[in-house]
Amino acid sequence: MALQCEVDSKVFLALITADGPGMMHITGMVGYHGKHGCCLYCGMQGRRKQHGKHYFPALLKPLDYDVEDCTHDDIDMRCLPIPSYEKYHKNLCIVTTSPNQRQYRAQHLETGILKPSIFSGLDRSATLGLPHSAGSDIMHLAALNLPDLMLSLWRGTIDCTRPDDRSTWDWAVL
């Protein structure tokens, strides 16, 4: 039975989800391949191969690794950086006020932000705000990424580059 009355309600956006590439478009961040590619905006810096452009979220620095701007110390997984609303918005302001294209590219590399999110215009009281409302892509992690990586690693078919050599992988048993 209808109550025949007006109800004043307020929608609250708690969580934004999508797959990895989708989150990049929704949040305006660089995505998982960026130097600061965490979709949760935790601040963890990635590492890349020499002359490579794709960053990887490696917690430990490889032995004899000397790639410019990627030689930061190991990151203790028990003390991962915590996402910060204030840091995100400060960095967003830096990126959006870049005076030219060269500065913009340098700033989005250093901050992990490409553009304002489509959700940036929402009232702060109606959302957790970025980066706190961004979810991670754990569906693909558990269902696609990890099984693919682990099976190709165990079978010795995963891509590798020098000086690594598949013939030395005594643990590749499948």
N, C-alpha and C. Protein backbone atom coordinates (compact mmCIF):
# COMPACT_ATOMS: atom_id res chain seq x y z
N MET A 1 0.84 -1.18 0.00
CA MET A 1 0.00 0.00 0.00
C MET A 1 0.89 1.24 0.00
N ALA A 2 0.60 2.18 -0.86
CA ALA A 2 1.38 3.41 -0.98
C ALA A 2 1.11 4.33 0.20
N LEU A 3 2.16 4.98 0.67
CA LEU A 3 2.03 5.89 1.81
C LEU A 3 1.61 7.29 1.40
N GLN A 4 1.67 7.58 0.12
CA GLN A 4 1.27 8.88 -0.38
C GLN A 4 2.01 10.01 0.32
N CYS A 5 3.35 9.86 0.45
CA CYS A 5 4.14 10.93 1.08
C CYS A 5 5.49 11.04 0.37
N GLU A 6 6.06 12.21 0.50
CA GLU A 6 7.38 12.43 -0.07
C GLU A 6 8.45 11.90 0.86
N VAL A 7 9.46 11.29 0.26
CA VAL A 7 10.58 10.79 1.05
C VAL A 7 11.84 11.48 0.54
N ASP A 8 12.53 12.13 1.44
CA ASP A 8 13.77 12.79 1.09
C ASP A 8 14.92 11.84 1.42
N SER A 9 15.58 11.34 0.40
CA SER A 9 16.68 10.41 0.64
C SER A 9 17.94 10.89 -0.06
N LYS A 10 19.05 10.39 0.38
CA LYS A 10 20.32 10.77 -0.20
C LYS A 10 21.08 9.51 -0.56
N VAL A 11 21.48 9.41 -1.81
CA VAL A 11 22.25 8.26 -2.27
C VAL A 11 23.70 8.44 -1.83
N PHE A 12 24.29 7.37 -1.34
CA PHE A 12 25.69 7.41 -0.92
C PHE A 12 26.47 6.41 -1.77
N LEU A 13 27.49 6.89 -2.46
CA LEU A 13 28.34 6.04 -3.29
C LEU A 13 29.50 5.54 -2.44
N ALA A 14 29.47 4.26 -2.09
CA ALA A 14 30.50 3.72 -1.21
C ALA A 14 31.65 3.09 -1.98
N LEU A 15 31.35 2.39 -3.08
CA LEU A 15 32.39 1.63 -3.75
C LEU A 15 32.25 1.71 -5.27
N ILE A 16 33.36 1.99 -5.93
CA ILE A 16 33.42 2.02 -7.38
C ILE A 16 34.22 0.80 -7.81
N THR A 17 33.64 -0.02 -8.68
CA THR A 17 34.38 -1.22 -9.11
C THR A 17 34.36 -1.35 -10.63
N ALA A 18 35.39 -2.00 -11.13
CA ALA A 18 35.52 -2.33 -12.55
C ALA A 18 36.76 -3.21 -12.67
N ASP A 19 37.02 -3.71 -13.87
CA ASP A 19 38.27 -4.43 -14.06
C ASP A 19 39.40 -3.39 -14.16
N GLY A 20 40.64 -3.87 -14.22
CA GLY A 20 41.79 -2.97 -14.21
C GLY A 20 41.73 -1.86 -15.24
N PRO A 21 41.56 -2.18 -16.53
CA PRO A 21 41.49 -1.10 -17.53
C PRO A 21 40.27 -0.19 -17.33
N GLY A 22 39.16 -0.74 -16.88
CA GLY A 22 37.97 0.07 -16.63
C GLY A 22 38.18 1.04 -15.48
N MET A 23 38.86 0.58 -14.42
CA MET A 23 39.13 1.46 -13.27
C MET A 23 39.98 2.65 -13.68
N MET A 24 40.89 2.41 -14.60
CA MET A 24 41.75 3.49 -15.08
C MET A 24 40.89 4.62 -15.66
N HIS A 25 39.85 4.26 -16.42
CA HIS A 25 38.99 5.27 -17.03
C HIS A 25 38.06 5.91 -16.01
N ILE A 26 37.59 5.14 -15.06
CA ILE A 26 36.66 5.67 -14.05
C ILE A 26 37.35 6.58 -13.06
N THR A 27 38.55 6.18 -12.59
CA THR A 27 39.23 6.95 -11.55
C THR A 27 40.12 8.05 -12.10
N GLY A 28 40.52 7.95 -13.37
CA GLY A 28 41.43 8.94 -13.93
C GLY A 28 42.88 8.68 -13.56
N MET A 29 43.16 7.51 -13.00
CA MET A 29 44.55 7.17 -12.63
C MET A 29 45.22 6.42 -13.78
N VAL A 30 46.54 6.25 -13.70
CA VAL A 30 47.31 5.71 -14.81
C VAL A 30 47.08 4.23 -15.07
N GLY A 31 46.61 3.49 -14.13
CA GLY A 31 46.39 2.06 -14.32
C GLY A 31 47.54 1.24 -13.79
N TYR A 32 47.37 -0.06 -13.82
CA TYR A 32 48.30 -0.98 -13.19
C TYR A 32 49.71 -0.96 -13.78
N HIS A 33 49.90 -0.45 -14.97
CA HIS A 33 51.21 -0.43 -15.62
C HIS A 33 52.03 0.81 -15.29
N GLY A 34 51.45 1.75 -14.57
CA GLY A 34 52.12 3.01 -14.28
C GLY A 34 53.11 2.93 -13.13
N LYS A 35 53.95 3.92 -13.03
CA LYS A 35 54.95 3.99 -11.96
C LYS A 35 54.27 3.96 -10.60
N HIS A 36 53.15 4.64 -10.49
CA HIS A 36 52.31 4.61 -9.28
C HIS A 36 50.96 4.05 -9.72
N GLY A 37 50.92 2.76 -9.99
CA GLY A 37 49.78 2.13 -10.65
C GLY A 37 48.74 1.52 -9.75
N CYS A 38 48.86 1.64 -8.45
CA CYS A 38 47.88 1.04 -7.54
C CYS A 38 46.54 1.76 -7.68
N CYS A 39 45.47 1.00 -8.00
CA CYS A 39 44.15 1.63 -8.17
C CYS A 39 43.59 2.10 -6.83
N LEU A 40 44.20 1.67 -5.73
CA LEU A 40 43.78 2.14 -4.40
C LEU A 40 44.55 3.40 -3.99
N TYR A 41 45.50 3.82 -4.83
CA TYR A 41 46.34 5.00 -4.63
C TYR A 41 47.09 4.94 -3.30
N CYS A 42 47.75 3.82 -3.08
CA CYS A 42 48.49 3.63 -1.83
C CYS A 42 49.84 4.34 -1.84
N GLY A 43 50.34 4.72 -3.01
CA GLY A 43 51.62 5.42 -3.06
C GLY A 43 52.80 4.52 -3.34
N MET A 44 52.58 3.22 -3.45
CA MET A 44 53.68 2.32 -3.72
C MET A 44 54.21 2.54 -5.13
N GLN A 45 55.52 2.71 -5.23
CA GLN A 45 56.15 2.93 -6.52
C GLN A 45 56.55 1.60 -7.14
N GLY A 46 56.30 1.45 -8.44
CA GLY A 46 56.66 0.23 -9.15
C GLY A 46 58.11 0.25 -9.62
N ARG A 47 58.48 -0.84 -10.24
CA ARG A 47 59.82 -0.98 -10.83
C ARG A 47 59.65 -1.40 -12.28
N ARG A 48 60.60 -1.05 -13.12
CA ARG A 48 60.53 -1.42 -14.53
C ARG A 48 61.85 -2.02 -14.97
N LYS A 49 61.81 -2.67 -16.14
CA LYS A 49 63.04 -3.20 -16.73
C LYS A 49 63.83 -2.04 -17.32
N GLN A 50 65.13 -2.26 -17.49
CA GLN A 50 65.98 -1.25 -18.12
C GLN A 50 65.40 -0.87 -19.49
N HIS A 51 65.22 0.39 -19.75
CA HIS A 51 64.66 0.95 -20.98
C HIS A 51 63.19 0.58 -21.19
N GLY A 52 62.55 -0.03 -20.20
CA GLY A 52 61.14 -0.38 -20.32
C GLY A 52 60.23 0.77 -19.91
N LYS A 53 58.98 0.70 -20.31
CA LYS A 53 57.99 1.72 -19.96
C LYS A 53 56.92 1.18 -19.03
N HIS A 54 56.83 -0.14 -18.92
CA HIS A 54 55.80 -0.80 -18.12
C HIS A 54 56.35 -1.06 -16.71
N TYR A 55 55.67 -0.54 -15.70
CA TYR A 55 56.11 -0.72 -14.31
C TYR A 55 55.40 -1.93 -13.70
N PHE A 56 56.06 -2.56 -12.75
CA PHE A 56 55.52 -3.73 -12.05
C PHE A 56 55.52 -3.44 -10.57
N PRO A 57 54.49 -3.89 -9.84
CA PRO A 57 54.43 -3.64 -8.39
C PRO A 57 55.31 -4.62 -7.61
N ALA A 58 56.62 -4.54 -7.79
CA ALA A 58 57.56 -5.45 -7.13
C ALA A 58 57.94 -4.88 -5.76
N LEU A 59 57.65 -5.63 -4.72
CA LEU A 59 57.97 -5.18 -3.36
C LEU A 59 59.46 -5.25 -3.06
N LEU A 60 60.13 -6.25 -3.63
CA LEU A 60 61.55 -6.44 -3.37
C LEU A 60 62.38 -5.98 -4.56
N LYS A 61 63.48 -5.32 -4.27
CA LYS A 61 64.39 -4.87 -5.32
C LYS A 61 65.21 -6.06 -5.78
N PRO A 62 65.21 -6.37 -7.08
CA PRO A 62 66.01 -7.49 -7.59
C PRO A 62 67.50 -7.29 -7.33
N LEU A 63 68.23 -8.39 -7.27
CA LEU A 63 69.68 -8.34 -7.08
C LEU A 63 70.32 -7.65 -8.28
N ASP A 64 71.36 -6.87 -8.04
CA ASP A 64 72.10 -6.17 -9.08
C ASP A 64 71.17 -5.34 -9.98
N TYR A 65 70.18 -4.72 -9.38
CA TYR A 65 69.18 -3.93 -10.11
C TYR A 65 69.54 -2.46 -9.99
N ASP A 66 69.71 -1.79 -11.11
CA ASP A 66 70.09 -0.39 -11.10
C ASP A 66 69.39 0.36 -12.22
N VAL A 67 68.07 0.46 -12.12
CA VAL A 67 67.29 1.17 -13.12
C VAL A 67 66.94 2.55 -12.55
N GLU A 68 67.28 3.57 -13.29
CA GLU A 68 67.07 4.94 -12.82
C GLU A 68 65.66 5.17 -12.29
N ASP A 69 65.57 5.77 -11.11
CA ASP A 69 64.32 6.14 -10.46
C ASP A 69 63.48 4.94 -9.99
N CYS A 70 64.08 3.75 -9.95
CA CYS A 70 63.36 2.55 -9.50
C CYS A 70 64.15 1.78 -8.44
N THR A 71 65.19 2.36 -7.91
CA THR A 71 66.06 1.64 -6.98
C THR A 71 65.69 1.88 -5.52
N HIS A 72 64.43 2.24 -5.28
CA HIS A 72 63.99 2.45 -3.91
C HIS A 72 64.11 1.16 -3.09
N ASP A 73 64.12 1.31 -1.79
CA ASP A 73 64.28 0.16 -0.90
C ASP A 73 63.14 -0.83 -1.03
N ASP A 74 63.37 -2.03 -0.51
CA ASP A 74 62.31 -3.05 -0.44
C ASP A 74 61.14 -2.48 0.34
N ILE A 75 59.94 -2.97 0.04
CA ILE A 75 58.74 -2.54 0.74
C ILE A 75 58.24 -3.71 1.57
N ASP A 76 58.10 -3.50 2.86
CA ASP A 76 57.62 -4.54 3.77
C ASP A 76 56.12 -4.69 3.58
N MET A 77 55.67 -5.89 3.16
CA MET A 77 54.24 -6.07 2.89
C MET A 77 53.38 -5.97 4.14
N ARG A 78 54.00 -6.00 5.32
CA ARG A 78 53.23 -5.82 6.57
C ARG A 78 53.02 -4.34 6.86
N CYS A 79 53.69 -3.49 6.12
CA CYS A 79 53.60 -2.04 6.35
C CYS A 79 53.39 -1.31 5.03
N LEU A 80 52.41 -1.75 4.27
CA LEU A 80 52.15 -1.11 2.97
C LEU A 80 51.65 0.32 3.17
N PRO A 81 51.96 1.19 2.23
CA PRO A 81 51.49 2.58 2.34
C PRO A 81 49.96 2.64 2.40
N ILE A 82 49.44 3.64 3.06
CA ILE A 82 47.99 3.80 3.23
C ILE A 82 47.49 4.89 2.27
N PRO A 83 46.41 4.61 1.53
CA PRO A 83 45.86 5.64 0.63
C PRO A 83 45.48 6.91 1.39
N SER A 84 45.68 8.04 0.75
CA SER A 84 45.39 9.32 1.40
C SER A 84 44.53 10.20 0.49
N TYR A 85 43.36 10.57 0.99
CA TYR A 85 42.45 11.46 0.28
C TYR A 85 43.14 12.81 0.01
N GLU A 86 43.83 13.32 1.02
CA GLU A 86 44.49 14.61 0.90
C GLU A 86 45.60 14.58 -0.15
N LYS A 87 46.42 13.50 -0.12
CA LYS A 87 47.51 13.38 -1.09
C LYS A 87 46.96 13.25 -2.51
N TYR A 88 45.90 12.46 -2.66
CA TYR A 88 45.29 12.29 -3.98
C TYR A 88 44.84 13.65 -4.53
N HIS A 89 44.13 14.43 -3.72
CA HIS A 89 43.61 15.71 -4.21
C HIS A 89 44.71 16.75 -4.42
N LYS A 90 45.75 16.71 -3.61
CA LYS A 90 46.89 17.60 -3.82
C LYS A 90 47.55 17.26 -5.16
N ASN A 91 47.76 15.97 -5.41
CA ASN A 91 48.38 15.54 -6.67
C ASN A 91 47.49 15.78 -7.87
N LEU A 92 46.18 15.62 -7.71
CA LEU A 92 45.24 15.91 -8.80
C LEU A 92 45.35 17.39 -9.19
N CYS A 93 45.45 18.25 -8.20
CA CYS A 93 45.60 19.69 -8.47
C CYS A 93 46.91 19.97 -9.22
N ILE A 94 47.98 19.29 -8.84
CA ILE A 94 49.27 19.46 -9.52
C ILE A 94 49.14 19.06 -10.99
N VAL A 95 48.50 17.92 -11.25
CA VAL A 95 48.36 17.43 -12.64
C VAL A 95 47.47 18.36 -13.45
N THR A 96 46.34 18.76 -12.90
CA THR A 96 45.38 19.57 -13.68
C THR A 96 45.85 21.01 -13.89
N THR A 97 46.83 21.45 -13.13
CA THR A 97 47.35 22.81 -13.34
C THR A 97 48.70 22.82 -14.04
N SER A 98 49.07 21.70 -14.62
CA SER A 98 50.34 21.64 -15.37
C SER A 98 50.31 22.68 -16.48
N PRO A 99 51.35 23.50 -16.58
CA PRO A 99 51.32 24.60 -17.56
C PRO A 99 51.51 24.18 -19.01
N ASN A 100 52.05 22.98 -19.26
CA ASN A 100 52.25 22.55 -20.64
C ASN A 100 52.25 21.02 -20.71
N GLN A 101 52.29 20.49 -21.92
CA GLN A 101 52.20 19.04 -22.12
C GLN A 101 53.39 18.31 -21.50
N ARG A 102 54.57 18.88 -21.60
CA ARG A 102 55.76 18.24 -21.03
C ARG A 102 55.64 18.12 -19.51
N GLN A 103 55.20 19.17 -18.87
CA GLN A 103 55.01 19.14 -17.42
C GLN A 103 53.88 18.18 -17.03
N TYR A 104 52.83 18.16 -17.83
CA TYR A 104 51.71 17.24 -17.57
C TYR A 104 52.20 15.79 -17.58
N ARG A 105 52.97 15.42 -18.60
CA ARG A 105 53.49 14.04 -18.69
C ARG A 105 54.37 13.71 -17.48
N ALA A 106 55.23 14.63 -17.11
CA ALA A 106 56.11 14.41 -15.95
C ALA A 106 55.29 14.29 -14.67
N GLN A 107 54.27 15.12 -14.52
CA GLN A 107 53.45 15.10 -13.30
C GLN A 107 52.60 13.84 -13.22
N HIS A 108 52.03 13.38 -14.33
CA HIS A 108 51.20 12.18 -14.23
C HIS A 108 52.06 10.94 -14.01
N LEU A 109 53.32 10.96 -14.48
CA LEU A 109 54.24 9.86 -14.17
C LEU A 109 54.54 9.84 -12.67
N GLU A 110 54.79 11.00 -12.08
CA GLU A 110 55.15 11.08 -10.66
C GLU A 110 53.97 10.91 -9.71
N THR A 111 52.77 11.25 -10.16
CA THR A 111 51.61 11.18 -9.25
C THR A 111 50.73 9.96 -9.48
N GLY A 112 50.75 9.39 -10.69
CA GLY A 112 49.87 8.27 -11.00
C GLY A 112 48.47 8.72 -11.38
N ILE A 113 48.29 10.00 -11.64
CA ILE A 113 46.98 10.55 -12.00
C ILE A 113 47.04 11.13 -13.41
N LEU A 114 46.05 10.76 -14.23
CA LEU A 114 45.96 11.30 -15.59
C LEU A 114 44.99 12.47 -15.69
N LYS A 115 43.88 12.38 -14.96
CA LYS A 115 42.81 13.36 -15.11
C LYS A 115 41.86 13.24 -13.92
N PRO A 116 40.97 14.21 -13.74
CA PRO A 116 39.95 14.07 -12.69
C PRO A 116 39.02 12.90 -13.02
N SER A 117 38.54 12.26 -12.00
CA SER A 117 37.59 11.16 -12.16
C SER A 117 36.22 11.70 -12.55
N ILE A 118 35.45 10.86 -13.19
CA ILE A 118 34.06 11.22 -13.49
C ILE A 118 33.28 11.43 -12.19
N PHE A 119 33.78 10.85 -11.08
CA PHE A 119 33.12 10.98 -9.78
C PHE A 119 33.66 12.15 -8.96
N SER A 120 34.61 12.90 -9.48
CA SER A 120 35.21 14.01 -8.74
C SER A 120 34.22 15.13 -8.42
N GLY A 121 33.17 15.23 -9.21
CA GLY A 121 32.20 16.31 -8.99
C GLY A 121 31.14 16.01 -7.96
N LEU A 122 31.15 14.79 -7.40
CA LEU A 122 30.14 14.45 -6.39
C LEU A 122 30.40 15.17 -5.08
N ASP A 123 29.33 15.47 -4.38
CA ASP A 123 29.42 16.07 -3.05
C ASP A 123 30.20 15.14 -2.14
N ARG A 124 31.18 15.65 -1.44
CA ARG A 124 32.05 14.83 -0.57
C ARG A 124 31.24 14.09 0.50
N SER A 125 30.11 14.61 0.90
CA SER A 125 29.30 13.94 1.92
C SER A 125 28.47 12.79 1.33
N ALA A 126 28.50 12.63 0.01
CA ALA A 126 27.73 11.58 -0.64
C ALA A 126 28.59 10.42 -1.13
N THR A 127 29.86 10.42 -0.77
CA THR A 127 30.79 9.38 -1.22
C THR A 127 31.97 9.28 -0.26
N LEU A 128 32.67 8.19 -0.32
CA LEU A 128 33.91 8.06 0.44
C LEU A 128 35.02 8.89 -0.20
N GLY A 129 34.82 9.27 -1.45
CA GLY A 129 35.81 10.06 -2.17
C GLY A 129 36.97 9.20 -2.65
N LEU A 130 37.58 9.65 -3.72
CA LEU A 130 38.77 8.95 -4.21
C LEU A 130 39.96 9.31 -3.33
N PRO A 131 40.81 8.40 -3.06
CA PRO A 131 40.91 7.05 -3.57
C PRO A 131 40.15 6.01 -2.75
N HIS A 132 39.51 6.40 -1.67
CA HIS A 132 38.88 5.43 -0.76
C HIS A 132 37.70 4.68 -1.34
N SER A 133 37.02 5.24 -2.32
CA SER A 133 35.86 4.55 -2.90
C SER A 133 36.25 3.61 -4.05
N ALA A 134 37.52 3.61 -4.46
CA ALA A 134 37.97 2.74 -5.55
C ALA A 134 38.24 1.34 -5.02
N GLY A 135 37.66 0.36 -5.68
CA GLY A 135 37.90 -1.03 -5.30
C GLY A 135 39.00 -1.64 -6.15
N SER A 136 39.51 -2.76 -5.72
CA SER A 136 40.55 -3.42 -6.50
C SER A 136 39.94 -4.53 -7.35
N ASP A 137 40.67 -4.98 -8.33
CA ASP A 137 40.20 -5.98 -9.29
C ASP A 137 40.60 -7.37 -8.83
N ILE A 138 40.01 -7.84 -7.72
CA ILE A 138 40.43 -9.15 -7.21
C ILE A 138 39.77 -10.30 -7.95
N MET A 139 38.68 -10.05 -8.69
CA MET A 139 38.06 -11.13 -9.45
C MET A 139 39.05 -11.68 -10.48
N HIS A 140 39.67 -10.79 -11.24
CA HIS A 140 40.62 -11.24 -12.24
C HIS A 140 41.88 -11.79 -11.59
N LEU A 141 42.26 -11.26 -10.45
CA LEU A 141 43.45 -11.75 -9.77
C LEU A 141 43.31 -13.23 -9.44
N ALA A 142 42.22 -13.60 -8.79
CA ALA A 142 42.05 -14.98 -8.35
C ALA A 142 41.61 -15.92 -9.46
N ALA A 143 40.81 -15.43 -10.39
CA ALA A 143 40.23 -16.31 -11.41
C ALA A 143 41.07 -16.42 -12.68
N LEU A 144 41.79 -15.37 -13.03
CA LEU A 144 42.53 -15.38 -14.30
C LEU A 144 44.03 -15.20 -14.12
N ASN A 145 44.43 -14.14 -13.46
CA ASN A 145 45.85 -13.77 -13.43
C ASN A 145 46.73 -14.77 -12.69
N LEU A 146 46.40 -15.07 -11.44
CA LEU A 146 47.26 -15.97 -10.66
C LEU A 146 47.34 -17.37 -11.25
N PRO A 147 46.22 -18.01 -11.61
CA PRO A 147 46.36 -19.34 -12.21
C PRO A 147 47.21 -19.33 -13.48
N ASP A 148 47.02 -18.33 -14.34
CA ASP A 148 47.80 -18.23 -15.57
C ASP A 148 49.29 -18.06 -15.26
N LEU A 149 49.61 -17.18 -14.34
CA LEU A 149 51.01 -16.95 -13.99
C LEU A 149 51.64 -18.17 -13.33
N MET A 150 50.93 -18.76 -12.37
CA MET A 150 51.51 -19.89 -11.64
C MET A 150 51.68 -21.11 -12.55
N LEU A 151 50.70 -21.42 -13.38
CA LEU A 151 50.83 -22.57 -14.27
C LEU A 151 51.96 -22.39 -15.28
N SER A 152 52.08 -21.20 -15.86
CA SER A 152 53.16 -20.98 -16.82
C SER A 152 54.52 -20.96 -16.12
N LEU A 153 54.55 -20.54 -14.86
CA LEU A 153 55.79 -20.58 -14.09
C LEU A 153 56.19 -22.03 -13.79
N TRP A 154 55.24 -22.83 -13.29
CA TRP A 154 55.51 -24.23 -12.95
C TRP A 154 55.86 -25.06 -14.19
N ARG A 155 55.27 -24.70 -15.33
CA ARG A 155 55.55 -25.45 -16.57
C ARG A 155 56.81 -24.95 -17.27
N GLY A 156 57.34 -23.81 -16.81
CA GLY A 156 58.54 -23.26 -17.44
C GLY A 156 58.26 -22.61 -18.78
N THR A 157 57.04 -22.12 -18.98
CA THR A 157 56.68 -21.49 -20.25
C THR A 157 56.47 -19.99 -20.12
N ILE A 158 56.67 -19.43 -18.94
CA ILE A 158 56.47 -18.00 -18.73
C ILE A 158 57.57 -17.22 -19.47
N ASP A 159 57.23 -16.04 -19.95
CA ASP A 159 58.23 -15.21 -20.64
C ASP A 159 59.36 -14.85 -19.68
N CYS A 160 60.57 -14.83 -20.19
CA CYS A 160 61.71 -14.39 -19.38
C CYS A 160 62.69 -13.65 -20.28
N THR A 161 63.52 -12.85 -19.66
CA THR A 161 64.52 -12.08 -20.40
C THR A 161 65.90 -12.35 -19.81
N ARG A 162 66.93 -12.04 -20.54
CA ARG A 162 68.30 -12.22 -20.07
C ARG A 162 68.53 -11.43 -18.80
N PRO A 163 69.30 -11.91 -17.89
CA PRO A 163 70.14 -13.10 -17.92
C PRO A 163 69.40 -14.37 -17.48
N ASP A 164 68.08 -14.29 -17.28
CA ASP A 164 67.34 -15.48 -16.86
C ASP A 164 67.34 -16.51 -17.99
N ASP A 165 67.34 -17.80 -17.62
CA ASP A 165 67.40 -18.88 -18.60
C ASP A 165 66.50 -20.02 -18.13
N ARG A 166 65.49 -20.34 -18.93
CA ARG A 166 64.54 -21.39 -18.54
C ARG A 166 65.21 -22.74 -18.27
N SER A 167 66.31 -23.02 -18.92
CA SER A 167 66.96 -24.32 -18.73
C SER A 167 67.53 -24.50 -17.33
N THR A 168 67.65 -23.41 -16.58
CA THR A 168 68.15 -23.50 -15.20
C THR A 168 67.03 -23.62 -14.17
N TRP A 169 65.80 -23.62 -14.62
CA TRP A 169 64.65 -23.64 -13.72
C TRP A 169 64.35 -25.08 -13.29
N ASP A 170 65.00 -25.58 -12.26
CA ASP A 170 64.76 -26.93 -11.79
C ASP A 170 63.41 -27.10 -11.11
N TRP A 171 62.76 -25.99 -10.79
CA TRP A 171 61.46 -26.03 -10.14
C TRP A 171 60.31 -26.09 -11.16
N ALA A 172 60.61 -25.93 -12.44
CA ALA A 172 59.57 -26.03 -13.48
C ALA A 172 59.30 -27.51 -13.72
N VAL A 173 58.25 -28.05 -13.12
CA VAL A 173 58.05 -29.50 -13.08
C VAL A 173 56.83 -30.01 -13.86
N LEU A 174 55.96 -29.14 -14.29
CA LEU A 174 54.74 -29.65 -14.95
C LEU A 174 54.92 -29.76 -16.45
